Protein backbone atom coordinates (compact mmCIF):
# COMPACT_ATOMS: atom_id res chain seq x y z
CA MET A 1 -0.07 -0.02 0.25
CA ALA A 2 0.97 3.55 -1.04
CA ARG A 3 2.43 5.65 2.05
CA PRO A 4 0.03 8.35 2.11
CA ALA A 5 2.11 11.96 1.36
CA ARG A 6 3.49 13.71 4.06
CA PRO A 7 1.89 17.27 4.96
CA PRO A 8 4.70 20.11 4.44
CA THR A 9 7.01 21.44 7.21
CA GLY A 10 6.71 24.70 8.49
CA LYS A 11 10.24 25.79 7.39
CA GLN A 12 8.94 24.34 3.55
CA VAL A 13 5.13 26.87 3.86
CA GLU A 14 7.33 29.67 5.37
CA HIS A 15 9.48 29.43 2.15
CA ALA A 16 6.46 29.09 -0.57
CA ARG A 17 5.10 31.95 1.33
CA ASN A 18 8.36 33.93 0.68
CA VAL A 19 8.42 32.63 -2.95
CA ALA A 20 4.59 34.14 -3.27
CA ALA A 21 5.16 37.07 -2.17
CA ALA A 22 8.02 37.67 -4.24
CA LEU A 23 6.46 36.59 -7.52
CA ALA A 24 3.03 38.94 -6.43
CA ARG A 25 5.89 42.00 -6.34
CA ALA A 26 7.52 41.02 -9.46
CA TYR A 27 4.41 40.04 -11.36
CA PRO A 28 1.55 41.75 -10.11
CA ASP A 29 -0.03 41.80 -13.54
CA ALA A 30 0.33 38.48 -14.34
CA THR A 31 -2.66 36.84 -16.37
CA CYS A 32 -3.83 34.68 -18.92
CA THR A 33 -2.32 35.62 -21.94
CA LEU A 34 -4.53 33.72 -24.44
CA ASP A 35 -7.56 35.62 -25.63
CA TYR A 36 -11.35 34.09 -25.13
CA THR A 37 -14.67 35.02 -24.48
CA ASN A 38 -16.00 32.32 -22.84
CA PRO A 39 -15.33 28.78 -21.51
CA LEU A 40 -15.60 27.13 -25.01
CA GLU A 41 -13.17 29.54 -26.17
CA LEU A 42 -10.84 29.34 -23.94
CA LEU A 43 -10.80 25.59 -23.88
CA VAL A 44 -10.41 25.21 -27.27
CA ALA A 45 -7.16 27.85 -26.79
CA THR A 46 -5.88 25.86 -23.99
CA ILE A 47 -5.85 22.74 -26.45
CA LEU A 48 -3.96 24.65 -29.00
CA SER A 49 -1.58 26.23 -26.88
CA ALA A 50 0.13 23.11 -26.59
CA GLN A 51 3.57 23.03 -27.61
CA CYS A 52 3.12 26.45 -28.97
CA THR A 53 3.10 30.11 -27.99
CA ASP A 54 -0.02 32.05 -26.91
CA VAL A 55 1.19 34.67 -29.26
CA ARG A 56 1.20 32.70 -31.80
CA VAL A 57 -2.39 30.64 -30.65
CA ASN A 58 -3.91 34.37 -30.26
CA MET A 59 -3.13 34.89 -34.19
CA VAL A 60 -5.48 31.85 -34.98
CA THR A 61 -8.56 31.84 -33.13
CA PRO A 62 -9.70 35.23 -34.17
CA ALA A 63 -10.46 33.20 -37.31
CA LEU A 64 -11.10 29.75 -35.59
CA PHE A 65 -14.07 31.68 -32.94
CA ALA A 66 -15.41 33.37 -35.92
CA LYS A 67 -16.01 29.90 -37.88
CA TYR A 68 -16.90 27.70 -35.03
CA THR A 69 -19.19 28.92 -31.95
CA THR A 70 -20.84 26.15 -30.32
CA ALA A 71 -19.54 22.36 -29.84
CA ALA A 72 -21.30 20.97 -31.86
CA GLU A 73 -20.34 22.85 -34.68
CA TYR A 74 -16.46 21.64 -33.60
CA ALA A 75 -17.64 18.50 -33.19
CA ALA A 76 -19.41 18.11 -36.69
CA SER A 77 -16.61 19.84 -38.89
CA PRO A 78 -15.09 17.83 -40.63
CA PRO A 79 -11.21 16.82 -39.63
CA GLY A 80 -9.15 18.51 -42.89
CA GLU A 81 -11.41 21.62 -42.19
CA LEU A 82 -10.56 22.27 -38.46
CA GLU A 83 -7.02 21.23 -39.20
CA ALA A 84 -6.45 24.25 -41.91
CA VAL A 85 -7.57 26.79 -39.72
CA ILE A 86 -4.94 25.60 -36.84
CA GLN A 87 -2.52 24.22 -38.64
CA SER A 88 0.58 26.78 -37.89
CA THR A 89 -0.24 25.92 -34.16
CA GLY A 90 1.84 22.99 -34.64
CA PHE A 91 0.15 19.01 -34.08
CA TYR A 92 -2.25 19.87 -35.63
CA ARG A 93 -3.57 16.80 -36.19
CA ASN A 94 -3.82 15.55 -32.63
CA LYS A 95 -5.33 18.76 -31.57
CA SER A 96 -7.92 18.66 -34.31
CA ARG A 97 -8.71 15.55 -32.84
CA SER A 98 -8.99 16.35 -29.14
CA ILE A 99 -10.93 19.29 -29.93
CA ARG A 100 -13.56 17.62 -31.79
CA ALA A 101 -13.83 14.64 -29.57
CA ALA A 102 -13.76 17.12 -26.06
CA CYS A 103 -16.52 19.22 -28.12
CA LYS A 104 -18.47 16.04 -29.23
CA ASP A 105 -18.17 15.31 -25.23
CA ILE A 106 -19.48 18.41 -24.36
CA ALA A 107 -22.61 18.30 -26.90
CA GLU A 108 -24.23 15.28 -26.18
CA LYS A 109 -23.22 14.65 -22.55
CA HIS A 110 -23.11 18.39 -21.05
CA GLY A 111 -26.05 19.99 -23.40
CA GLY A 112 -23.38 22.32 -25.48
CA LYS A 113 -22.35 23.47 -22.05
CA VAL A 114 -18.53 23.46 -20.60
CA PRO A 115 -18.68 21.91 -17.53
CA ASP A 116 -17.75 23.94 -14.39
CA ASN A 117 -15.68 20.97 -12.38
CA LEU A 118 -12.30 19.17 -12.42
CA ASP A 119 -13.87 15.76 -12.73
CA ASP A 120 -16.08 16.59 -15.71
CA LEU A 121 -13.78 18.51 -17.63
CA CYS A 122 -11.17 15.66 -17.05
CA ALA A 123 -13.62 13.01 -18.26
CA LEU A 124 -13.94 15.10 -21.81
CA ARG A 125 -11.98 13.44 -24.10
CA GLY A 126 -8.96 15.20 -25.11
CA VAL A 127 -8.40 17.44 -21.93
CA GLY A 128 -6.23 16.79 -18.67
CA ARG A 129 -5.83 18.32 -15.66
CA LYS A 130 -3.36 21.18 -16.76
CA THR A 131 -6.05 22.28 -19.32
CA ALA A 132 -9.16 21.99 -16.85
CA ASN A 133 -7.16 23.74 -14.07
CA VAL A 134 -6.69 26.55 -17.09
CA VAL A 135 -10.40 26.89 -17.93
CA LEU A 136 -11.51 26.40 -14.16
CA GLY A 137 -9.35 29.18 -12.92
CA ASN A 138 -10.15 31.73 -15.69
CA ALA A 139 -13.64 31.40 -17.25
CA PHE A 140 -15.43 29.82 -14.02
CA GLY A 141 -12.91 31.39 -11.24
CA LYS A 142 -12.67 28.02 -9.59
CA PRO A 143 -9.07 27.62 -7.95
CA GLY A 144 -6.55 25.75 -9.80
CA ILE A 145 -2.62 25.16 -10.46
CA VAL A 146 -1.66 24.62 -13.76
CA VAL A 147 1.34 22.68 -14.26
CA ASP A 148 2.65 23.15 -17.54
CA THR A 149 6.50 22.80 -18.18
CA HIS A 150 7.28 26.26 -17.18
CA VAL A 151 5.54 26.02 -13.97
CA GLY A 152 6.96 22.37 -13.06
CA ARG A 153 10.79 23.93 -13.88
CA VAL A 154 10.26 27.16 -11.76
CA ALA A 155 8.62 24.62 -9.05
CA ARG A 156 11.50 22.07 -8.90
CA ARG A 157 14.57 25.18 -8.85
CA LEU A 158 12.68 26.69 -6.48
CA GLY A 159 12.40 23.57 -3.99
CA LEU A 160 9.10 24.00 -3.99
CA THR A 161 8.56 20.21 -5.35
CA LYS A 162 10.97 17.06 -6.62
CA HIS A 163 8.52 15.52 -8.73
CA ALA A 164 8.58 15.66 -12.68
CA ASP A 165 5.51 14.21 -13.19
CA PRO A 166 2.91 17.19 -13.22
CA VAL A 167 -0.12 15.41 -11.40
CA LYS A 168 2.52 15.10 -8.34
CA ALA A 169 3.83 18.00 -8.29
CA GLU A 170 0.16 19.91 -8.77
CA PHE A 171 -0.83 18.08 -4.92
CA GLU A 172 2.06 19.08 -3.63
CA LEU A 173 2.07 22.68 -5.07
CA MET A 174 -1.55 22.61 -3.49
CA LYS A 175 -0.36 21.75 0.02
CA LEU A 176 2.15 24.82 -0.30
CA PHE A 177 -0.02 27.60 -0.69
CA PRO A 178 -3.68 28.68 -0.25
CA ALA A 179 -6.50 27.77 -2.80
CA ASP A 180 -7.29 31.47 -3.33
CA ARG A 181 -3.58 32.13 -4.92
CA TRP A 182 -3.54 28.95 -7.17
CA THR A 183 -4.91 30.45 -10.32
CA VAL A 184 -2.87 34.23 -9.85
CA LEU A 185 0.58 32.00 -8.60
CA SER A 186 0.31 29.94 -12.16
CA HIS A 187 0.56 33.03 -14.12
CA GLN A 188 3.16 34.55 -12.11
CA MET A 189 5.36 31.06 -12.55
CA ILE A 190 4.34 30.83 -15.66
CA LEU A 191 5.48 34.30 -16.69
CA HIS A 192 8.83 34.14 -14.58
CA GLY A 193 9.66 30.55 -16.93
CA ARG A 194 8.96 32.49 -19.88
CA GLN A 195 11.06 35.79 -18.97
CA VAL A 196 13.50 35.02 -16.66
CA CYS A 197 13.92 31.03 -15.35
CA LYS A 198 13.96 29.80 -19.13
CA ALA A 199 14.80 26.09 -19.60
CA PRO A 200 18.44 26.52 -21.67
CA ARG A 201 19.44 29.38 -19.64
CA PRO A 202 17.98 31.28 -16.75
CA LEU A 203 18.67 34.67 -16.20
CA CYS A 204 19.61 34.22 -12.63
CA PRO A 205 21.82 37.69 -11.95
CA SER A 206 18.53 39.70 -12.76
CA CYS A 207 16.18 37.31 -11.11
CA PRO A 208 14.02 38.58 -8.60
CA LEU A 209 13.71 35.19 -6.41
CA ARG A 210 17.61 34.84 -6.37
CA ALA A 211 18.18 35.01 -2.67
CA LEU A 212 15.29 32.67 -2.27
CA CYS A 213 16.34 29.75 -4.85
CA PRO A 214 18.52 27.05 -3.83
CA CYS A 215 18.51 25.37 -7.40
CA PRO A 216 22.73 24.03 -7.22
CA LYS A 217 22.80 25.43 -11.04
CA LYS A 218 22.05 28.72 -10.92
CA THR A 219 24.47 30.82 -12.75
CA LYS A 220 26.63 32.99 -11.16
C-alpha cells in the first residue's frame, strides 16, 4: 500500500510564502495571455497552446472562433477543415482530434455547455488536468494550479517540489499555497518561467527570486 504523502513542514510553508510574495511583487499584473470570451473558446485555445506560444494561438483563434461558435459545430466539423485553420499551431492533427472529441462530449453529455468542475472536465476526451485547471481558474473563477512545463521547472528549481510528474507536482503545490492563490500563482510562475527562469539558460543574475532559490545550477 502506498504511503500517504506527508504534509509540508513549517519551513517548507514559510519558503512557499516567501516565494509567493516575491512573485506577487515581480508580476503583479500576471494573467491569462490567451484571448477568449467564453469557456468554450478558452478550452479550445488551451488545447491549441500545447507546444505552441500563446502569441501564435491568439493569431489563429479569431478566424477559428468566427467559424465555430458552439461545441456541436466543432464536433461536426470535417477534420481537414479544422486542421487547415489551426495548422500553424503545430501538431494540428492531434489537436484537431482532441478538440472535436472534447466538443462532442460537451455537446452530447453536457448540453453544449463546458462543465465547471474538475472531474467532468477531465472526463472530456482530449482534456487533462492542466487544461481543466486553466478553464476552471480563468473562465469560472474556481482555483486550480496549472502545472505546465514552465510551472514544473520553476517549482523544482525553487525547491517547491522534486516531482517531474505534473500531477504529483500539482498536488504538492496545492499543499503549500492557499487555494485563493492557485490561479494567479500559476500565471506568475508561467511568466517567470518565460521571461527569467528559462529552460536552457536561466537569467539568474537578474532574477527577482534569486535570494530564495536553492537551485545548485543557478548561474553566477
